[in-house]
Amino acid sequence: MSHKKRLTRSRSNRILGGVLGGIAEYFGWNATATRLIFVLLSFFPFLPGILVYIVAWVIIPAEPYQDFRSGNRKDVTPDHDRP
């Protein structure tokens, strides 16, 4: 069974909301470089960075919780959080 790759907000690589960490994980980029590029691009008047980040925070779903203690990597996200 193939696992389809989805863009989600990162739970393990986050500073504020996990948006840029999730984007970096999705594309296989370095999270620090992704954050730096985002901050630099946010200084341009055509890209209101904070607004883009807030909209992405609302739109991109959070990464599901996983139970790593038992060795069983099952999805334990409550059903009401799923899109």
PDB file of N, CA and C in Angstrom:
ATOM      1  N   MET A   1       0.842  -1.173   0.000  1.00  0.00           N
ATOM      2  CA  MET A   1       0.000   0.000   0.000  1.00  0.00           C
ATOM      3  C   MET A   1       0.889   1.237   0.000  1.00  0.00           C
ATOM      4  N   SER A   2       0.701   2.109  -0.953  1.00  0.00           N
ATOM      5  CA  SER A   2       1.524   3.313  -1.035  1.00  0.00           C
ATOM      6  C   SER A   2       0.912   4.413  -0.177  1.00  0.00           C
ATOM      7  N   HIS A   3       1.795   5.157   0.447  1.00  0.00           N
ATOM      8  CA  HIS A   3       1.357   6.254   1.305  1.00  0.00           C
ATOM      9  C   HIS A   3       1.435   7.545   0.505  1.00  0.00           C
ATOM     10  N   LYS A   4       0.307   8.199   0.325  1.00  0.00           N
ATOM     11  CA  LYS A   4       0.250   9.435  -0.430  1.00  0.00           C
ATOM     12  C   LYS A   4       0.799  10.578   0.421  1.00  0.00           C
ATOM     13  N   LYS A   5       1.708  11.347  -0.130  1.00  0.00           N
ATOM     14  CA  LYS A   5       2.337  12.457   0.565  1.00  0.00           C
ATOM     15  C   LYS A   5       1.361  13.633   0.624  1.00  0.00           C
ATOM     16  N   ARG A   6       1.171  14.192   1.835  1.00  0.00           N
ATOM     17  CA  ARG A   6       0.250  15.316   2.018  1.00  0.00           C
ATOM     18  C   ARG A   6       0.970  16.467   2.689  1.00  0.00           C
ATOM     19  N   LEU A   7       0.598  17.667   2.312  1.00  0.00           N
ATOM     20  CA  LEU A   7       1.138  18.862   2.953  1.00  0.00           C
ATOM     21  C   LEU A   7       0.388  19.074   4.264  1.00  0.00           C
ATOM     22  N   THR A   8       1.125  19.024   5.369  1.00  0.00           N
ATOM     23  CA  THR A   8       0.549  19.254   6.686  1.00  0.00           C
ATOM     24  C   THR A   8       1.462  20.165   7.486  1.00  0.00           C
ATOM     25  N   ARG A   9       0.912  20.783   8.513  1.00  0.00           N
ATOM     26  CA  ARG A   9       1.737  21.574   9.432  1.00  0.00           C
ATOM     27  C   ARG A   9       2.499  20.600  10.325  1.00  0.00           C
ATOM     28  N   SER A  10       3.780  20.841  10.467  1.00  0.00           N
ATOM     29  CA  SER A  10       4.643  19.929  11.217  1.00  0.00           C
ATOM     30  C   SER A  10       4.394  20.038  12.716  1.00  0.00           C
ATOM     31  N   ARG A  11       4.384  18.897  13.396  1.00  0.00           N
ATOM     32  CA  ARG A  11       4.306  18.888  14.856  1.00  0.00           C
ATOM     33  C   ARG A  11       5.694  18.798  15.472  1.00  0.00           C
ATOM     34  N   SER A  12       6.665  18.274  14.714  1.00  0.00           N
ATOM     35  CA  SER A  12       8.002  18.073  15.255  1.00  0.00           C
ATOM     36  C   SER A  12       8.984  19.173  14.868  1.00  0.00           C
ATOM     37  N   ASN A  13       8.703  19.910  13.819  1.00  0.00           N
ATOM     38  CA  ASN A  13       9.618  20.930  13.323  1.00  0.00           C
ATOM     39  C   ASN A  13       8.877  22.256  13.232  1.00  0.00           C
ATOM     40  N   ARG A  14       8.528  22.800  14.386  1.00  0.00           N
ATOM     41  CA  ARG A  14       7.738  24.024  14.393  1.00  0.00           C
ATOM     42  C   ARG A  14       8.351  25.049  15.314  1.00  0.00           C
ATOM     43  N   ILE A  15       8.132  26.302  14.958  1.00  0.00           N
ATOM     44  CA  ILE A  15       8.516  27.411  15.829  1.00  0.00           C
ATOM     45  C   ILE A  15       7.244  28.114  16.297  1.00  0.00           C
ATOM     46  N   LEU A  16       6.356  28.405  15.364  1.00  0.00           N
ATOM     47  CA  LEU A  16       5.098  29.046  15.726  1.00  0.00           C
ATOM     48  C   LEU A  16       3.928  28.108  15.444  1.00  0.00           C
ATOM     49  N   GLY A  17       3.589  27.940  14.181  1.00  0.00           N
ATOM     50  CA  GLY A  17       2.448  27.099  13.839  1.00  0.00           C
ATOM     51  C   GLY A  17       2.791  25.848  13.070  1.00  0.00           C
ATOM     52  N   GLY A  18       4.045  25.688  12.699  1.00  0.00           N
ATOM     53  CA  GLY A  18       4.462  24.513  11.960  1.00  0.00           C
ATOM     54  C   GLY A  18       4.269  24.604  10.462  1.00  0.00           C
ATOM     55  N   VAL A  19       3.867  25.777   9.958  1.00  0.00           N
ATOM     56  CA  VAL A  19       3.596  25.942   8.530  1.00  0.00           C
ATOM     57  C   VAL A  19       4.871  25.774   7.712  1.00  0.00           C
ATOM     58  N   LEU A  20       5.898  26.531   8.038  1.00  0.00           N
ATOM     59  CA  LEU A  20       7.124  26.471   7.249  1.00  0.00           C
ATOM     60  C   LEU A  20       7.865  25.155   7.464  1.00  0.00           C
ATOM     61  N   GLY A  21       7.789  24.601   8.650  1.00  0.00           N
ATOM     62  CA  GLY A  21       8.371  23.281   8.895  1.00  0.00           C
ATOM     63  C   GLY A  21       7.677  22.213   8.068  1.00  0.00           C
ATOM     64  N   GLY A  22       6.364  22.312   7.953  1.00  0.00           N
ATOM     65  CA  GLY A  22       5.597  21.368   7.150  1.00  0.00           C
ATOM     66  C   GLY A  22       5.900  21.496   5.669  1.00  0.00           C
ATOM     67  N   ILE A  23       6.047  22.732   5.198  1.00  0.00           N
ATOM     68  CA  ILE A  23       6.396  22.952   3.789  1.00  0.00           C
ATOM     69  C   ILE A  23       7.780  22.385   3.506  1.00  0.00           C
ATOM     70  N   ALA A  24       8.721  22.619   4.417  1.00  0.00           N
ATOM     71  CA  ALA A  24      10.077  22.098   4.242  1.00  0.00           C
ATOM     72  C   ALA A  24      10.078  20.568   4.227  1.00  0.00           C
ATOM     73  N   GLU A  25       9.322  19.935   5.104  1.00  0.00           N
ATOM     74  CA  GLU A  25       9.250  18.474   5.134  1.00  0.00           C
ATOM     75  C   GLU A  25       8.614  17.927   3.860  1.00  0.00           C
ATOM     76  N   TYR A  26       7.591  18.590   3.370  1.00  0.00           N
ATOM     77  CA  TYR A  26       6.885  18.139   2.171  1.00  0.00           C
ATOM     78  C   TYR A  26       7.805  18.131   0.951  1.00  0.00           C
ATOM     79  N   PHE A  27       8.587  19.192   0.782  1.00  0.00           N
ATOM     80  CA  PHE A  27       9.460  19.306  -0.379  1.00  0.00           C
ATOM     81  C   PHE A  27      10.865  18.751  -0.147  1.00  0.00           C
ATOM     82  N   GLY A  28      11.175  18.348   1.089  1.00  0.00           N
ATOM     83  CA  GLY A  28      12.494  17.815   1.398  1.00  0.00           C
ATOM     84  C   GLY A  28      13.555  18.896   1.533  1.00  0.00           C
ATOM     85  N   TRP A  29      13.145  20.084   1.921  1.00  0.00           N
ATOM     86  CA  TRP A  29      14.055  21.216   2.071  1.00  0.00           C
ATOM     87  C   TRP A  29      14.520  21.330   3.512  1.00  0.00           C
ATOM     88  N   ASN A  30      15.537  22.138   3.721  1.00  0.00           N
ATOM     89  CA  ASN A  30      16.014  22.475   5.052  1.00  0.00           C
ATOM     90  C   ASN A  30      15.037  23.482   5.665  1.00  0.00           C
ATOM     91  N   ALA A  31      14.543  23.214   6.862  1.00  0.00           N
ATOM     92  CA  ALA A  31      13.534  24.071   7.488  1.00  0.00           C
ATOM     93  C   ALA A  31      14.089  25.456   7.814  1.00  0.00           C
ATOM     94  N   THR A  32      15.334  25.532   8.259  1.00  0.00           N
ATOM     95  CA  THR A  32      15.932  26.824   8.587  1.00  0.00           C
ATOM     96  C   THR A  32      16.068  27.683   7.337  1.00  0.00           C
ATOM     97  N   ALA A  33      16.505  27.094   6.239  1.00  0.00           N
ATOM     98  CA  ALA A  33      16.625  27.836   4.986  1.00  0.00           C
ATOM     99  C   ALA A  33      15.254  28.290   4.495  1.00  0.00           C
ATOM    100  N   THR A  34      14.239  27.439   4.645  1.00  0.00           N
ATOM    101  CA  THR A  34      12.879  27.795   4.239  1.00  0.00           C
ATOM    102  C   THR A  34      12.382  28.993   5.041  1.00  0.00           C
ATOM    103  N   ARG A  35      12.630  28.988   6.335  1.00  0.00           N
ATOM    104  CA  ARG A  35      12.219  30.113   7.181  1.00  0.00           C
ATOM    105  C   ARG A  35      12.963  31.394   6.808  1.00  0.00           C
ATOM    106  N   LEU A  36      14.245  31.283   6.551  1.00  0.00           N
ATOM    107  CA  LEU A  36      15.049  32.444   6.182  1.00  0.00           C
ATOM    108  C   LEU A  36      14.572  33.047   4.862  1.00  0.00           C
ATOM    109  N   ILE A  37      14.323  32.201   3.886  1.00  0.00           N
ATOM    110  CA  ILE A  37      13.821  32.681   2.590  1.00  0.00           C
ATOM    111  C   ILE A  37      12.464  33.340   2.758  1.00  0.00           C
ATOM    112  N   PHE A  38      11.599  32.755   3.571  1.00  0.00           N
ATOM    113  CA  PHE A  38      10.274  33.342   3.804  1.00  0.00           C
ATOM    114  C   PHE A  38      10.394  34.726   4.435  1.00  0.00           C
ATOM    115  N   VAL A  39      11.259  34.869   5.429  1.00  0.00           N
ATOM    116  CA  VAL A  39      11.444  36.168   6.088  1.00  0.00           C
ATOM    117  C   VAL A  39      11.987  37.192   5.101  1.00  0.00           C
ATOM    118  N   LEU A  40      12.960  36.797   4.296  1.00  0.00           N
ATOM    119  CA  LEU A  40      13.526  37.728   3.315  1.00  0.00           C
ATOM    120  C   LEU A  40      12.485  38.144   2.279  1.00  0.00           C
ATOM    121  N   LEU A  41      11.682  37.195   1.808  1.00  0.00           N
ATOM    122  CA  LEU A  41      10.637  37.531   0.836  1.00  0.00           C
ATOM    123  C   LEU A  41       9.521  38.370   1.452  1.00  0.00           C
ATOM    124  N   SER A  42       9.335  38.262   2.740  1.00  0.00           N
ATOM    125  CA  SER A  42       8.270  39.011   3.412  1.00  0.00           C
ATOM    126  C   SER A  42       8.543  40.511   3.447  1.00  0.00           C
ATOM    127  N   PHE A  43       9.800  40.911   3.224  1.00  0.00           N
ATOM    128  CA  PHE A  43      10.111  42.334   3.223  1.00  0.00           C
ATOM    129  C   PHE A  43       9.678  43.035   1.941  1.00  0.00           C
ATOM    130  N   PHE A  44       9.391  42.268   0.894  1.00  0.00           N
ATOM    131  CA  PHE A  44       8.937  42.868  -0.350  1.00  0.00           C
ATOM    132  C   PHE A  44       7.474  43.277  -0.212  1.00  0.00           C
ATOM    133  N   PRO A  45       7.106  44.414  -0.812  1.00  0.00           N
ATOM    134  CA  PRO A  45       5.717  44.896  -0.656  1.00  0.00           C
ATOM    135  C   PRO A  45       4.671  44.012  -1.332  1.00  0.00           C
ATOM    136  N   PHE A  46       5.058  43.189  -2.296  1.00  0.00           N
ATOM    137  CA  PHE A  46       4.063  42.363  -2.984  1.00  0.00           C
ATOM    138  C   PHE A  46       3.746  41.070  -2.238  1.00  0.00           C
ATOM    139  N   LEU A  47       4.454  40.782  -1.154  1.00  0.00           N
ATOM    140  CA  LEU A  47       4.201  39.559  -0.394  1.00  0.00           C
ATOM    141  C   LEU A  47       4.047  39.898   1.087  1.00  0.00           C
ATOM    142  N   PRO A  48       2.819  40.148   1.537  1.00  0.00           N
ATOM    143  CA  PRO A  48       2.614  40.426   2.968  1.00  0.00           C
ATOM    144  C   PRO A  48       2.764  39.136   3.772  1.00  0.00           C
ATOM    145  N   GLY A  49       3.980  38.869   4.232  1.00  0.00           N
ATOM    146  CA  GLY A  49       4.353  37.601   4.842  1.00  0.00           C
ATOM    147  C   GLY A  49       3.483  37.146   5.987  1.00  0.00           C
ATOM    148  N   ILE A  50       3.190  38.024   6.930  1.00  0.00           N
ATOM    149  CA  ILE A  50       2.420  37.607   8.106  1.00  0.00           C
ATOM    150  C   ILE A  50       1.007  37.181   7.701  1.00  0.00           C
ATOM    151  N   LEU A  51       0.427  37.870   6.735  1.00  0.00           N
ATOM    152  CA  LEU A  51      -0.911  37.509   6.267  1.00  0.00           C
ATOM    153  C   LEU A  51      -0.888  36.157   5.560  1.00  0.00           C
ATOM    154  N   VAL A  52       0.107  35.930   4.724  1.00  0.00           N
ATOM    155  CA  VAL A  52       0.249  34.648   4.027  1.00  0.00           C
ATOM    156  C   VAL A  52       0.427  33.516   5.043  1.00  0.00           C
ATOM    157  N   TYR A  53       1.245  33.747   6.069  1.00  0.00           N
ATOM    158  CA  TYR A  53       1.481  32.731   7.088  1.00  0.00           C
ATOM    159  C   TYR A  53       0.193  32.397   7.846  1.00  0.00           C
ATOM    160  N   ILE A  54      -0.556  33.406   8.233  1.00  0.00           N
ATOM    161  CA  ILE A  54      -1.804  33.181   8.979  1.00  0.00           C
ATOM    162  C   ILE A  54      -2.815  32.415   8.128  1.00  0.00           C
ATOM    163  N   VAL A  55      -2.941  32.782   6.861  1.00  0.00           N
ATOM    164  CA  VAL A  55      -3.871  32.073   5.972  1.00  0.00           C
ATOM    165  C   VAL A  55      -3.433  30.614   5.808  1.00  0.00           C
ATOM    166  N   ALA A  56      -2.123  30.395   5.629  1.00  0.00           N
ATOM    167  CA  ALA A  56      -1.616  29.019   5.502  1.00  0.00           C
ATOM    168  C   ALA A  56      -1.845  28.238   6.785  1.00  0.00           C
ATOM    169  N   TRP A  57      -1.707  28.889   7.936  1.00  0.00           N
ATOM    170  CA  TRP A  57      -1.921  28.243   9.228  1.00  0.00           C
ATOM    171  C   TRP A  57      -3.362  27.743   9.342  1.00  0.00           C
ATOM    172  N   VAL A  58      -4.291  28.532   8.814  1.00  0.00           N
ATOM    173  CA  VAL A  58      -5.707  28.159   8.871  1.00  0.00           C
ATOM    174  C   VAL A  58      -6.032  27.066   7.857  1.00  0.00           C
ATOM    175  N   ILE A  59      -5.450  27.147   6.666  1.00  0.00           N
ATOM    176  CA  ILE A  59      -5.806  26.243   5.569  1.00  0.00           C
ATOM    177  C   ILE A  59      -5.114  24.884   5.664  1.00  0.00           C
ATOM    178  N   ILE A  60      -3.826  24.861   5.991  1.00  0.00           N
ATOM    179  CA  ILE A  60      -3.062  23.606   5.998  1.00  0.00           C
ATOM    180  C   ILE A  60      -3.394  22.819   7.264  1.00  0.00           C
ATOM    181  N   PRO A  61      -3.819  21.565   7.126  1.00  0.00           N
ATOM    182  CA  PRO A  61      -4.168  20.771   8.307  1.00  0.00           C
ATOM    183  C   PRO A  61      -2.925  20.372   9.105  1.00  0.00           C
ATOM    184  N   ALA A  62      -3.113  20.142  10.390  1.00  0.00           N
ATOM    185  CA  ALA A  62      -2.018  19.713  11.262  1.00  0.00           C
ATOM    186  C   ALA A  62      -1.665  18.263  10.971  1.00  0.00           C
ATOM    187  N   GLU A  63      -0.402  17.946  11.165  1.00  0.00           N
ATOM    188  CA  GLU A  63       0.069  16.571  11.019  1.00  0.00           C
ATOM    189  C   GLU A  63      -0.619  15.705  12.074  1.00  0.00           C
ATOM    190  N   PRO A  64      -1.078  14.505  11.716  1.00  0.00           N
ATOM    191  CA  PRO A  64      -1.749  13.652  12.696  1.00  0.00           C
ATOM    192  C   PRO A  64      -0.790  13.216  13.804  1.00  0.00           C
ATOM    193  N   TYR A  65      -1.340  13.041  14.994  1.00  0.00           N
ATOM    194  CA  TYR A  65      -0.553  12.495  16.106  1.00  0.00           C
ATOM    195  C   TYR A  65      -0.277  11.033  15.814  1.00  0.00           C
ATOM    196  N   GLN A  66       0.890  10.552  16.227  1.00  0.00           N
ATOM    197  CA  GLN A  66       1.217   9.143  16.060  1.00  0.00           C
ATOM    198  C   GLN A  66       1.715   8.595  17.381  1.00  0.00           C
ATOM    199  N   ASP A  67       1.370   7.352  17.646  1.00  0.00           N
ATOM    200  CA  ASP A  67       1.788   6.691  18.871  1.00  0.00           C
ATOM    201  C   ASP A  67       3.089   5.938  18.604  1.00  0.00           C
ATOM    202  N   PHE A  68       4.223   6.504  19.052  1.00  0.00           N
ATOM    203  CA  PHE A  68       5.523   5.904  18.799  1.00  0.00           C
ATOM    204  C   PHE A  68       5.986   5.007  19.944  1.00  0.00           C
ATOM    205  N   ARG A  69       5.367   5.081  21.085  1.00  0.00           N
ATOM    206  CA  ARG A  69       5.804   4.303  22.252  1.00  0.00           C
ATOM    207  C   ARG A  69       5.604   2.810  22.064  1.00  0.00           C
ATOM    208  N   SER A  70       4.515   2.414  21.466  1.00  0.00           N
ATOM    209  CA  SER A  70       4.209   0.995  21.337  1.00  0.00           C
ATOM    210  C   SER A  70       4.880   0.351  20.134  1.00  0.00           C
ATOM    211  N   GLY A  71       5.538   1.145  19.305  1.00  0.00           N
ATOM    212  CA  GLY A  71       6.136   0.600  18.091  1.00  0.00           C
ATOM    213  C   GLY A  71       5.114   0.467  16.980  1.00  0.00           C
ATOM    214  N   ASN A  72       3.869   0.699  17.309  1.00  0.00           N
ATOM    215  CA  ASN A  72       2.794   0.639  16.341  1.00  0.00           C
ATOM    216  C   ASN A  72       2.519   2.060  15.861  1.00  0.00           C
ATOM    217  N   ARG A  73       2.851   2.368  14.624  1.00  0.00           N
ATOM    218  CA  ARG A  73       2.729   3.730  14.125  1.00  0.00           C
ATOM    219  C   ARG A  73       1.332   3.965  13.566  1.00  0.00           C
ATOM    220  N   LYS A  74       0.332   3.840  14.383  1.00  0.00           N
ATOM    221  CA  LYS A  74      -1.032   4.053  13.932  1.00  0.00           C
ATOM    222  C   LYS A  74      -1.422   5.517  14.120  1.00  0.00           C
ATOM    223  N   ASP A  75      -2.363   5.953  13.326  1.00  0.00           N
ATOM    224  CA  ASP A  75      -2.859   7.315  13.403  1.00  0.00           C
ATOM    225  C   ASP A  75      -3.822   7.396  14.585  1.00  0.00           C
ATOM    226  N   VAL A  76      -3.548   8.297  15.521  1.00  0.00           N
ATOM    227  CA  VAL A  76      -4.408   8.436  16.688  1.00  0.00           C
ATOM    228  C   VAL A  76      -5.075   9.805  16.723  1.00  0.00           C
ATOM    229  N   THR A  77      -5.176  10.444  15.570  1.00  0.00           N
ATOM    230  CA  THR A  77      -5.825  11.756  15.485  1.00  0.00           C
ATOM    231  C   THR A  77      -7.327  11.564  15.645  1.00  0.00           C
ATOM    232  N   PRO A  78      -7.967  12.400  16.473  1.00  0.00           N
ATOM    233  CA  PRO A  78      -9.417  12.303  16.593  1.00  0.00           C
ATOM    234  C   PRO A  78     -10.086  12.572  15.253  1.00  0.00           C
ATOM    235  N   ASP A  79     -11.215  11.938  14.991  1.00  0.00           N
ATOM    236  CA  ASP A  79     -11.892  12.076  13.716  1.00  0.00           C
ATOM    237  C   ASP A  79     -12.348  13.494  13.410  1.00  0.00           C
ATOM    238  N   HIS A  80     -12.661  14.288  14.422  1.00  0.00           N
ATOM    239  CA  HIS A  80     -13.156  15.641  14.150  1.00  0.00           C
ATOM    240  C   HIS A  80     -12.061  16.567  13.643  1.00  0.00           C
ATOM    241  N   ASP A  81     -10.777  16.193  13.730  1.00  0.00           N
ATOM    242  CA  ASP A  81      -9.676  17.011  13.215  1.00  0.00           C
ATOM    243  C   ASP A  81      -9.351  16.703  11.764  1.00  0.00           C
ATOM    244  N   ARG A  82      -9.894  15.644  11.227  1.00  0.00           N
ATOM    245  CA  ARG A  82      -9.562  15.248   9.861  1.00  0.00           C
ATOM    246  C   ARG A  82     -10.383  16.049   8.865  1.00  0.00           C
ATOM    247  N   PRO A  83      -9.747  16.409   7.734  1.00  0.00           N
ATOM    248  CA  PRO A  83     -10.486  17.174   6.714  1.00  0.00           C
ATOM    249  C   PRO A  83     -11.484  16.327   5.968  1.00  0.00           C
TER     250      PRO A  83
END
